[in-house]
Amino acid sequence: MKKALAFLHAEVKQVPDELVCYGFQREEIVIGLTRMGFDTCWQASATNKAPVRILLGKSAGENAFAEMFFKKGRKPLDSFLVRRERFTPELKEVLEAAILAPSALNRQPWRFEIRSDERLLISVKNPKGVALKVC
C-alpha cells in the first residue's frame, strides 16, 4: 500500500478487558476489509483514547509491507521451542501459523513444548502485558 485511503479508529477505556476486546474487534474489521480486497495495516496511535488505528488502502501491485516484515527478521521455528523437538508435518504447519499470529509490538512471546504424550504445551515468555482472553 503506497498511500492510505482512510484511517479507522475508535476510542476505548484504558481497562485491560476492554483493550483485549478492542483488539479482537479491530482484527475482525481487518479480516473483513481484507476479504473485500483492501490492504490494511495496524498503526500505533499517539493517543490513549484510540491506542491503534487501521490504515486502509489499495495495493500498488507490490507487497512492500510483506517484504519489509516477513522476508527478513522472522525468527526460526526452533527459537520458539522449549527444546529441539521432532514433530509431524501437520504439527509443524500449526506451529508456523501460531508464530505468524499478531502480538503486541511483534514480541512473539509464545513458546511451544511437545510433550511425550503428544500434547502441545503453549507458554508465554515474560507474560507481563499479555492478554489471554477471547471476547
Protein backbone atom coordinates (compact mmCIF):
# COMPACT_ATOMS: atom_id res chain seq x y z
CA MET A 1 0.00 0.00 0.00
CA LYS A 2 1.65 3.21 -1.13
CA LYS A 3 -0.88 5.61 0.38
CA ALA A 4 -3.68 5.04 2.88
CA LEU A 5 -7.14 5.97 1.64
CA ALA A 6 -8.56 6.18 5.14
CA PHE A 7 -7.81 5.63 8.80
CA LEU A 8 -10.17 3.75 11.12
CA HIS A 9 -10.03 4.28 14.84
CA ALA A 10 -12.31 4.07 17.85
CA GLU A 11 -11.94 5.26 21.40
CA VAL A 12 -11.72 2.78 24.25
CA LYS A 13 -11.40 2.97 28.03
CA GLN A 14 -7.94 2.02 29.30
CA VAL A 15 -9.22 -1.08 31.11
CA PRO A 16 -7.46 -4.40 30.35
CA ASP A 17 -10.60 -6.38 29.43
CA GLU A 18 -11.86 -3.60 27.19
CA LEU A 19 -8.47 -3.27 25.50
CA VAL A 20 -8.45 -7.00 24.74
CA CYS A 21 -11.95 -6.86 23.24
CA TYR A 22 -10.94 -3.72 21.33
CA GLY A 23 -8.05 -5.62 19.75
CA PHE A 24 -10.18 -8.59 18.74
CA GLN A 25 -12.88 -6.32 17.30
CA ARG A 26 -10.31 -4.37 15.27
CA GLU A 27 -8.93 -7.65 13.92
CA GLU A 28 -12.44 -8.66 12.80
CA ILE A 29 -12.59 -5.37 10.87
CA VAL A 30 -9.20 -6.07 9.28
CA ILE A 31 -10.31 -9.56 8.21
CA GLY A 32 -13.49 -8.15 6.66
CA LEU A 33 -11.61 -5.42 4.79
CA THR A 34 -9.07 -7.94 3.53
CA ARG A 35 -11.88 -10.15 2.21
CA MET A 36 -13.19 -7.12 0.31
CA GLY A 37 -9.79 -6.68 -1.36
CA PHE A 38 -8.40 -3.81 0.70
CA ASP A 39 -4.90 -3.68 2.13
CA THR A 40 -4.74 -2.89 5.83
CA CYS A 41 -2.09 -2.16 8.39
CA TRP A 42 -2.26 -1.71 12.16
CA GLN A 43 -0.60 1.50 13.32
CA ALA A 44 0.04 2.51 16.92
CA SER A 45 -1.69 5.75 17.80
CA ALA A 46 -0.29 8.63 19.80
CA THR A 47 -3.47 8.96 21.86
CA ASN A 48 -4.52 6.77 24.76
CA LYS A 49 -8.20 7.04 23.81
CA ALA A 50 -7.59 5.25 20.50
CA PRO A 51 -4.48 3.08 21.02
CA VAL A 52 -4.33 1.90 17.41
CA ARG A 53 -5.73 2.84 14.07
CA ILE A 54 -6.11 0.78 10.95
CA LEU A 55 -4.78 2.16 7.69
CA LEU A 56 -6.92 1.23 4.73
CA GLY A 57 -5.79 1.35 1.11
CA LYS A 58 -5.31 -0.46 -2.17
CA SER A 59 -2.15 -2.19 -3.32
CA ALA A 60 0.04 -0.58 -5.94
CA GLY A 61 0.85 -4.05 -7.25
CA GLU A 62 3.69 -4.87 -4.90
CA ASN A 63 3.63 -6.17 -1.38
CA ALA A 64 6.14 -3.87 0.27
CA PHE A 65 4.67 -4.46 3.73
CA ALA A 66 5.14 -8.22 3.48
CA GLU A 67 8.62 -7.75 2.05
CA MET A 68 9.58 -5.49 4.94
CA PHE A 69 8.17 -7.58 7.79
CA PHE A 70 8.15 -11.19 6.67
CA LYS A 71 11.20 -11.78 4.48
CA LYS A 72 13.78 -10.66 7.00
CA GLY A 73 13.86 -10.72 10.75
CA ARG A 74 11.39 -13.59 11.18
CA LYS A 75 12.56 -15.88 13.97
CA PRO A 76 13.07 -19.54 13.02
CA LEU A 77 10.66 -22.12 14.41
CA ASP A 78 13.39 -23.62 16.62
CA SER A 79 13.62 -20.36 18.60
CA PHE A 80 10.03 -20.88 19.83
CA LEU A 81 10.59 -24.44 21.05
CA VAL A 82 11.42 -25.16 24.68
CA ARG A 83 13.85 -27.80 23.42
CA ARG A 84 14.68 -29.16 19.99
CA GLU A 85 11.83 -31.47 19.13
CA ARG A 86 10.60 -33.75 16.38
CA PHE A 87 7.07 -33.31 15.15
CA THR A 88 4.78 -34.23 12.30
CA PRO A 89 4.43 -32.03 9.20
CA GLU A 90 0.86 -31.26 10.35
CA LEU A 91 2.04 -30.01 13.75
CA LYS A 92 4.80 -28.00 12.07
CA GLU A 93 2.14 -26.25 9.98
CA VAL A 94 0.14 -25.43 13.14
CA LEU A 95 3.23 -24.07 14.92
CA GLU A 96 4.21 -21.93 11.93
CA ALA A 97 0.68 -20.49 11.78
CA ALA A 98 0.82 -19.69 15.50
CA ILE A 99 4.13 -17.87 15.03
CA LEU A 100 2.53 -15.66 12.38
CA ALA A 101 -0.26 -14.60 14.75
CA PRO A 102 -0.18 -10.94 15.73
CA SER A 103 1.45 -9.98 19.01
CA ALA A 104 1.99 -6.63 20.71
CA LEU A 105 4.99 -4.91 19.17
CA ASN A 106 5.67 -8.19 17.33
CA ARG A 107 7.26 -9.57 20.51
CA GLN A 108 6.04 -13.11 19.77
CA PRO A 109 6.29 -14.21 23.42
CA TRP A 110 4.93 -17.74 22.98
CA ARG A 111 6.96 -20.89 23.48
CA PHE A 112 5.96 -24.41 22.47
CA GLU A 113 6.72 -27.75 24.07
CA ILE A 114 5.64 -31.07 22.59
CA ARG A 115 5.00 -33.44 25.48
CA SER A 116 5.76 -37.17 25.36
CA ASP A 117 2.02 -37.90 25.19
CA GLU A 118 1.92 -35.72 22.02
CA ARG A 119 0.14 -32.86 23.78
CA LEU A 120 1.25 -29.36 22.89
CA LEU A 121 2.01 -27.03 25.78
CA ILE A 122 1.99 -23.33 24.92
CA SER A 123 3.60 -20.95 27.39
CA VAL A 124 4.38 -17.26 27.32
CA LYS A 125 7.86 -15.86 27.84
CA ASN A 126 7.65 -12.76 30.07
CA PRO A 127 3.82 -12.65 30.25
CA LYS A 128 3.61 -9.05 31.53
CA GLY A 129 1.05 -7.24 29.41
CA VAL A 130 -0.09 -10.36 27.54
CA ALA A 131 -3.85 -10.81 27.33
CA LEU A 132 -5.01 -14.39 27.07
CA LYS A 133 -8.73 -13.74 26.75
CA VAL A 134 -11.16 -14.05 23.87
CA CYS A 135 -14.24 -11.80 23.78
